Amino acid sequence: MSTTAAPEEVRHTWHLDPQHVEVGFAVRHLMISTVKGHFRAVSGVVRTEADDFTTAEVDLTIDASSIETRDEARNAHLRSADFFDVEKYPTLTFKSRRVTSAAKHHYVVVGDLTIHGVTREVSLDVVAEGFVRDPWGNEKAGFHATGSINRKDFGLAWNVVLETGGVVVGDEVKLNLEIELTRQKDE
């Protein structure tokens, strides 16, 4: 009786393209408007079985000091101990736990988000925007992800109550990610 070896699992490693990634956020300000910002320094790796992104293992790291909101005084306040405390907590991280397919090219990625030394499970809705080979022969994949968190769940509780009864900073933070990945060659 002969036995046939099972085919070896093909693993692909995809790196975030730092020039084509944006981790953005939006939060209510004074209860009447929305402030948007993003982080300028993001790195990460996604590992998959072949090109099956339901098997993805996502590992992202964000430099907390790279926060940008188009206002240097606000950026400095967000870097301070009132919010991100970048001296004590220099990075934000996301590590996936599981990925499920919600529809064709649409996934739900659940993972551990760590901000300010606090880790909470979050869910991101992810849409695969496409897969191409660039003019230099690199395999690329594009994704758009959205989600929301309550900043107080991560110890980001600073606020000021307004005379009118509202607050300066809303609790819900909407997340918006644009991700371009490059597959590692020679796999």
Protein backbone atom coordinates (compact mmCIF):
# COMPACT_ATOMS: atom_id res chain seq x y z
CA MET A 1 0.00 0.00 0.00
CA SER A 2 1.55 3.30 -1.01
CA THR A 3 1.00 6.52 0.79
CA THR A 4 0.99 9.88 -0.84
CA ALA A 5 2.27 12.84 1.10
CA ALA A 6 -0.18 15.65 1.59
CA PRO A 7 0.64 18.72 -0.48
CA GLU A 8 2.80 21.17 1.40
CA GLU A 9 0.91 24.21 2.61
CA VAL A 10 1.74 27.30 0.57
CA ARG A 11 2.10 30.35 2.80
CA HIS A 12 2.28 33.88 1.44
CA THR A 13 3.66 36.85 3.30
CA TRP A 14 2.34 40.28 2.41
CA HIS A 15 3.94 43.49 3.72
CA LEU A 16 2.14 46.79 4.13
CA ASP A 17 3.33 49.29 1.56
CA PRO A 18 4.12 52.30 3.80
CA GLN A 19 3.59 54.73 0.92
CA HIS A 20 0.10 53.38 0.25
CA VAL A 21 -1.46 52.89 3.66
CA GLU A 22 -3.58 55.17 5.77
CA VAL A 23 -4.97 54.45 9.20
CA GLY A 24 -7.53 57.17 9.74
CA PHE A 25 -9.99 58.05 12.46
CA ALA A 26 -12.88 60.44 13.04
CA VAL A 27 -14.31 61.67 16.35
CA ARG A 28 -17.01 64.19 17.26
CA HIS A 29 -15.80 67.58 18.53
CA LEU A 30 -17.96 69.86 20.71
CA MET A 31 -20.92 67.65 19.74
CA ILE A 32 -21.34 69.68 16.52
CA SER A 33 -18.54 68.66 14.16
CA THR A 34 -16.12 65.85 13.37
CA VAL A 35 -12.33 65.96 13.58
CA LYS A 36 -10.45 63.57 11.31
CA GLY A 37 -6.88 62.44 11.55
CA HIS A 38 -4.51 59.65 10.69
CA PHE A 39 -1.23 58.05 11.67
CA ARG A 40 1.72 58.65 9.35
CA ALA A 41 3.83 55.63 10.41
CA VAL A 42 2.25 52.20 10.04
CA SER A 43 3.94 48.86 9.44
CA GLY A 44 2.69 45.33 9.28
CA VAL A 45 2.57 41.87 7.82
CA VAL A 46 -0.28 39.68 6.62
CA ARG A 47 0.30 35.95 6.23
CA THR A 48 -2.11 33.79 4.23
CA GLU A 49 -2.43 30.25 2.97
CA ALA A 50 -1.90 30.80 -0.75
CA ASP A 51 -4.19 33.68 -1.75
CA ASP A 52 -6.99 32.73 0.66
CA PHE A 53 -7.49 35.81 2.81
CA THR A 54 -9.93 33.99 5.11
CA THR A 55 -6.76 32.40 6.52
CA ALA A 56 -5.08 35.77 7.05
CA GLU A 57 -2.98 36.44 10.12
CA VAL A 58 -2.76 40.23 10.41
CA ASP A 59 -0.12 41.97 12.52
CA LEU A 60 -0.06 45.79 12.41
CA THR A 61 2.00 48.30 14.38
CA ILE A 62 1.30 52.03 14.48
CA ASP A 63 3.71 54.65 15.78
CA ALA A 64 1.53 56.62 18.21
CA SER A 65 3.69 59.74 17.88
CA SER A 66 2.93 59.87 14.14
CA ILE A 67 -0.61 61.10 14.79
CA GLU A 68 -1.67 63.92 12.45
CA THR A 69 -4.84 66.03 12.69
CA ARG A 70 -3.72 69.18 10.77
CA ASP A 71 -3.29 71.10 14.04
CA GLU A 72 0.05 70.87 15.86
CA ALA A 73 -1.38 71.93 19.24
CA ARG A 74 -4.04 69.19 19.00
CA ASN A 75 -1.42 66.67 17.83
CA ALA A 76 0.74 67.52 20.87
CA HIS A 77 -2.27 67.15 23.19
CA LEU A 78 -3.12 63.77 21.68
CA ARG A 79 0.51 62.63 22.21
CA SER A 80 0.39 63.72 25.87
CA ALA A 81 -0.59 61.70 28.96
CA ASP A 82 -4.17 62.99 28.54
CA PHE A 83 -4.59 60.68 25.54
CA PHE A 84 -2.01 58.34 23.93
CA ASP A 85 0.88 59.05 26.35
CA VAL A 86 3.39 58.21 23.61
CA GLU A 87 6.35 58.36 26.00
CA LYS A 88 4.91 55.41 27.95
CA TYR A 89 2.96 53.71 25.12
CA PRO A 90 4.83 54.38 21.85
CA THR A 91 2.81 52.00 19.67
CA LEU A 92 -0.71 50.84 18.91
CA THR A 93 -1.01 47.26 17.67
CA PHE A 94 -3.59 45.06 15.99
CA LYS A 95 -3.30 41.27 15.84
CA SER A 96 -6.05 39.29 14.16
CA ARG A 97 -7.74 36.35 15.85
CA ARG A 98 -9.99 35.24 13.01
CA VAL A 99 -11.21 36.21 9.56
CA THR A 100 -14.57 35.25 8.14
CA SER A 101 -15.95 35.75 4.67
CA ALA A 102 -19.09 37.89 4.75
CA ALA A 103 -19.64 37.98 0.97
CA LYS A 104 -17.52 37.90 -2.17
CA HIS A 105 -14.44 40.10 -1.50
CA HIS A 106 -15.88 41.13 1.88
CA TYR A 107 -14.44 39.93 5.18
CA VAL A 108 -14.89 40.47 8.89
CA VAL A 109 -11.56 40.59 10.70
CA VAL A 110 -11.70 40.20 14.48
CA GLY A 111 -8.58 40.86 16.48
CA ASP A 112 -6.90 42.39 19.49
CA LEU A 113 -6.34 46.14 19.35
CA THR A 114 -3.93 47.52 21.93
CA ILE A 115 -3.98 51.25 22.67
CA HIS A 116 -2.54 52.97 25.72
CA GLY A 117 -1.55 49.58 27.18
CA VAL A 118 -5.13 48.27 27.03
CA THR A 119 -6.14 45.41 24.74
CA ARG A 120 -9.70 44.91 23.52
CA GLU A 121 -11.23 42.74 20.84
CA VAL A 122 -12.46 44.75 17.85
CA SER A 123 -14.15 43.86 14.59
CA LEU A 124 -13.30 45.42 11.23
CA ASP A 125 -15.38 45.20 8.06
CA VAL A 126 -12.91 44.68 5.22
CA VAL A 127 -13.46 44.88 1.47
CA ALA A 128 -10.88 43.51 -0.97
CA GLU A 129 -10.47 46.29 -3.56
CA GLY A 130 -8.42 44.21 -5.98
CA PHE A 131 -5.34 42.18 -6.79
CA VAL A 132 -2.83 43.22 -9.48
CA ARG A 133 0.74 42.90 -10.64
CA ASP A 134 2.45 46.31 -10.76
CA PRO A 135 4.76 47.42 -13.61
CA TRP A 136 7.80 46.09 -11.66
CA GLY A 137 6.37 42.58 -11.29
CA ASN A 138 5.21 42.88 -7.67
CA GLU A 139 1.95 41.25 -6.61
CA LYS A 140 -0.29 43.80 -4.89
CA ALA A 141 -3.54 43.59 -2.95
CA GLY A 142 -5.72 46.49 -1.84
CA PHE A 143 -8.18 46.58 1.06
CA HIS A 144 -10.52 49.10 2.68
CA ALA A 145 -11.50 48.52 6.32
CA THR A 146 -13.90 50.27 8.66
CA GLY A 147 -14.89 49.88 12.28
CA SER A 148 -15.46 51.81 15.46
CA ILE A 149 -14.29 51.77 19.05
CA ASN A 150 -15.13 53.55 22.27
CA ARG A 151 -11.97 55.45 23.24
CA LYS A 152 -12.79 55.13 26.97
CA ASP A 153 -12.49 51.33 26.64
CA PHE A 154 -8.78 51.97 26.01
CA GLY A 155 -8.23 54.39 28.89
CA LEU A 156 -8.49 57.50 26.71
CA ALA A 157 -10.94 59.24 29.02
CA TRP A 158 -9.87 62.92 28.99
CA ASN A 159 -12.75 65.30 28.36
CA VAL A 160 -14.30 68.60 29.37
CA VAL A 161 -18.02 69.10 29.97
CA LEU A 162 -19.51 72.06 28.11
CA GLU A 163 -21.89 74.59 29.64
CA THR A 164 -24.53 73.34 27.22
CA GLY A 165 -24.24 69.83 28.65
CA GLY A 166 -22.17 68.23 25.89
CA VAL A 167 -18.49 67.34 25.91
CA VAL A 168 -15.44 68.45 23.96
CA VAL A 169 -14.54 64.98 22.60
CA GLY A 170 -17.01 62.24 21.65
CA ASP A 171 -16.47 58.70 22.91
CA GLU A 172 -17.00 56.85 19.61
CA VAL A 173 -14.01 56.79 17.27
CA LYS A 174 -14.70 55.70 13.71
CA LEU A 175 -11.83 53.87 12.03
CA ASN A 176 -11.07 54.01 8.30
CA LEU A 177 -8.13 52.09 6.84
CA GLU A 178 -6.77 52.03 3.31
CA ILE A 179 -4.26 49.22 2.96
CA GLU A 180 -2.03 48.19 0.06
CA LEU A 181 -0.03 45.01 0.48
CA THR A 182 2.95 43.72 -1.47
CA ARG A 183 3.56 40.00 -1.56
CA GLN A 184 7.04 38.95 -0.57
CA LYS A 185 8.91 37.53 -3.54
CA ASP A 186 10.57 34.12 -3.72
CA GLU A 187 7.85 32.20 -1.95
